[in-house]
Amino acid sequence: MRLIKPAYIVFASFCVCLSSFAVAAAGKISVSDVYARATFPMAETAAVYMQIENSSDASVTLQQVTVSEELAADAQLHTTLLQGDMAKMRALPEGVAIPAKQRMQLSPAGHHIMLTGLKKGLAAGDTVPLVLKFSNGLTIDIKAEVRMLDNEGAHHHHQ
């Protein structure tokens, strides 16, 4: 039986680490201004907003968002559609595409993350931990700061 030399093990480990770094570096995705709107204590839903910047040379899609089961039952990507004078929400199971070298704003009047089945309301000053999963394999852990917003920043109820 032939023994594997320690130098080969070190080299193989280095290659695995390097490939993980390449995937993360190739992602070149940054997330900023992450916040959620404070809710009333018995609220069942809440919205999360942020800015996502894709500084890579390829389009990437935010495919999935996960939230702790202790906080909410689910986190989904949604968009706001205006129909007449009503704002309606639609789930985005296909995700949200962020073109190469561009920013995507998740905002009250557009794309956002909807938390459903809240276990308790969100109070100003709380934080909401989320995990963002992208089409290029990148996963980013974030924390949304819960803020008290005026009516301009209010999220419309689902219709």
Protein backbone atom coordinates (compact mmCIF):
# COMPACT_ATOMS: atom_id res chain seq x y z
CA MET A 1 0.00 0.00 0.00
CA ARG A 2 1.32 3.42 -0.91
CA LEU A 3 1.23 6.23 1.64
CA ILE A 4 0.21 9.75 0.73
CA LYS A 5 2.97 12.18 1.53
CA PRO A 6 2.15 15.16 3.78
CA ALA A 7 3.21 17.60 1.05
CA TYR A 8 0.45 16.28 -1.23
CA ILE A 9 -2.13 16.69 1.52
CA VAL A 10 -1.03 20.28 2.11
CA PHE A 11 -1.13 21.00 -1.64
CA ALA A 12 -4.60 19.44 -2.03
CA SER A 13 -5.90 21.44 0.95
CA PHE A 14 -4.46 24.62 -0.54
CA CYS A 15 -6.22 23.94 -3.87
CA VAL A 16 -9.57 23.40 -2.12
CA CYS A 17 -9.17 26.65 -0.17
CA LEU A 18 -8.12 28.52 -3.30
CA SER A 19 -11.15 27.28 -5.26
CA SER A 20 -13.48 28.43 -2.46
CA PHE A 21 -11.82 31.83 -2.50
CA ALA A 22 -12.23 32.06 -6.29
CA VAL A 23 -15.97 31.41 -6.08
CA ALA A 24 -16.38 34.13 -3.44
CA ALA A 25 -14.10 36.56 -5.27
CA ALA A 26 -15.86 35.89 -8.57
CA GLY A 27 -19.13 36.82 -6.86
CA LYS A 28 -18.14 40.42 -6.17
CA ILE A 29 -21.53 41.04 -4.58
CA SER A 30 -21.97 43.55 -1.78
CA VAL A 31 -25.05 44.32 0.28
CA SER A 32 -25.66 47.60 2.11
CA ASP A 33 -28.37 49.65 3.87
CA VAL A 34 -30.21 46.53 5.04
CA TYR A 35 -33.30 47.34 7.09
CA ALA A 36 -36.79 46.15 7.99
CA ARG A 37 -39.80 48.26 8.86
CA ALA A 38 -40.99 48.06 12.47
CA THR A 39 -44.38 46.36 12.82
CA PHE A 40 -47.14 46.26 15.40
CA PRO A 41 -46.73 43.48 18.03
CA MET A 42 -49.16 40.96 16.47
CA ALA A 43 -48.06 41.49 12.84
CA GLU A 44 -47.79 38.36 10.72
CA THR A 45 -45.70 39.90 7.92
CA ALA A 46 -42.81 42.32 7.56
CA ALA A 47 -40.71 43.62 4.68
CA VAL A 48 -36.92 43.87 4.37
CA TYR A 49 -35.12 46.29 2.06
CA MET A 50 -31.50 46.73 0.96
CA GLN A 51 -29.15 47.66 -1.82
CA ILE A 52 -27.28 44.89 -3.65
CA GLU A 53 -24.29 45.77 -5.82
CA ASN A 54 -22.92 43.41 -8.45
CA SER A 55 -19.43 44.60 -9.38
CA SER A 56 -18.68 41.45 -11.40
CA ASP A 57 -18.67 41.09 -15.19
CA ALA A 58 -21.66 38.73 -15.17
CA SER A 59 -25.31 39.03 -14.21
CA VAL A 60 -26.24 37.26 -10.99
CA THR A 61 -29.64 36.37 -9.52
CA LEU A 62 -30.68 36.54 -5.88
CA GLN A 63 -32.45 33.18 -5.83
CA GLN A 64 -33.38 32.55 -2.24
CA VAL A 65 -33.58 34.18 1.17
CA THR A 66 -33.79 32.23 4.41
CA VAL A 67 -34.73 33.39 7.88
CA SER A 68 -34.55 31.67 11.26
CA GLU A 69 -37.66 29.63 12.05
CA GLU A 70 -37.59 31.25 15.49
CA LEU A 71 -38.34 34.62 13.85
CA ALA A 72 -40.62 33.81 10.89
CA ALA A 73 -42.04 30.86 8.97
CA ASP A 74 -40.65 31.99 5.61
CA ALA A 75 -38.79 34.67 3.65
CA GLN A 76 -39.78 35.28 0.02
CA LEU A 77 -38.74 37.64 -2.74
CA HIS A 78 -41.68 39.84 -3.77
CA THR A 79 -42.41 42.81 -6.00
CA THR A 80 -45.03 45.55 -5.79
CA LEU A 81 -47.39 45.96 -8.74
CA LEU A 82 -49.67 48.97 -9.14
CA GLN A 83 -53.11 48.06 -10.50
CA GLY A 84 -55.22 51.19 -10.70
CA ASP A 85 -54.89 52.82 -7.30
CA MET A 86 -54.09 49.55 -5.54
CA ALA A 87 -50.66 48.18 -4.74
CA LYS A 88 -50.53 44.38 -4.99
CA MET A 89 -47.72 42.01 -4.14
CA ARG A 90 -46.46 39.18 -6.29
CA ALA A 91 -43.95 36.51 -5.28
CA LEU A 92 -40.81 36.23 -7.43
CA PRO A 93 -39.96 32.50 -7.40
CA GLU A 94 -37.51 33.12 -10.27
CA GLY A 95 -35.54 35.48 -8.03
CA VAL A 96 -34.23 38.98 -8.66
CA ALA A 97 -31.57 39.51 -11.36
CA ILE A 98 -28.78 42.01 -10.72
CA PRO A 99 -27.06 42.88 -14.03
CA ALA A 100 -23.27 43.04 -14.23
CA LYS A 101 -21.74 46.27 -12.89
CA GLN A 102 -25.10 47.47 -11.52
CA ARG A 103 -27.01 47.97 -8.29
CA MET A 104 -30.45 46.70 -7.37
CA GLN A 105 -32.46 48.56 -4.75
CA LEU A 106 -34.95 46.46 -2.80
CA SER A 107 -37.43 49.13 -1.70
CA PRO A 108 -41.01 49.65 -0.44
CA ALA A 109 -42.34 50.50 -3.92
CA GLY A 110 -40.54 47.70 -5.77
CA HIS A 111 -38.74 44.42 -5.12
CA HIS A 112 -38.40 43.45 -1.45
CA ILE A 113 -38.10 40.50 0.89
CA MET A 114 -41.35 39.52 2.59
CA LEU A 115 -41.18 37.75 5.93
CA THR A 116 -44.32 35.69 6.58
CA GLY A 117 -45.55 33.92 9.67
CA LEU A 118 -43.78 36.24 12.10
CA LYS A 119 -43.53 34.75 15.58
CA LYS A 120 -43.69 38.29 17.05
CA GLY A 121 -43.71 41.85 15.76
CA LEU A 122 -40.49 43.66 14.87
CA ALA A 123 -39.56 46.54 17.18
CA ALA A 124 -37.27 49.44 16.26
CA GLY A 125 -33.72 48.51 17.25
CA ASP A 126 -34.19 44.75 16.72
CA THR A 127 -32.11 42.93 14.11
CA VAL A 128 -33.28 40.31 11.63
CA PRO A 129 -30.62 37.80 10.50
CA LEU A 130 -31.07 36.56 6.92
CA VAL A 131 -29.11 34.45 4.46
CA LEU A 132 -29.01 35.51 0.79
CA LYS A 133 -28.27 32.81 -1.81
CA PHE A 134 -27.15 33.80 -5.31
CA SER A 135 -27.06 31.97 -8.66
CA ASN A 136 -23.25 32.02 -8.72
CA GLY A 137 -23.10 29.93 -5.53
CA LEU A 138 -22.37 32.85 -3.23
CA THR A 139 -24.12 32.91 0.15
CA ILE A 140 -24.13 36.10 2.24
CA ASP A 141 -25.24 36.35 5.89
CA ILE A 142 -26.77 39.75 6.68
CA LYS A 143 -28.58 41.45 9.55
CA ALA A 144 -31.42 43.87 8.88
CA GLU A 145 -31.78 46.71 11.35
CA VAL A 146 -35.43 47.26 12.29
CA ARG A 147 -36.38 50.92 11.82
CA MET A 148 -39.45 53.02 12.51
CA LEU A 149 -40.41 54.48 9.12
CA ASP A 150 -42.77 57.30 8.22
CA ASN A 151 -45.67 56.73 5.80
CA GLU A 152 -43.46 57.35 2.74
CA GLY A 153 -41.37 54.34 3.66
CA ALA A 154 -44.39 52.27 4.61
CA HIS A 155 -44.95 48.90 3.03
CA HIS A 156 -48.38 48.31 1.53
CA HIS A 157 -50.41 45.39 2.78
CA HIS A 158 -50.87 42.39 0.51
CA GLN A 159 -54.02 42.39 -1.60
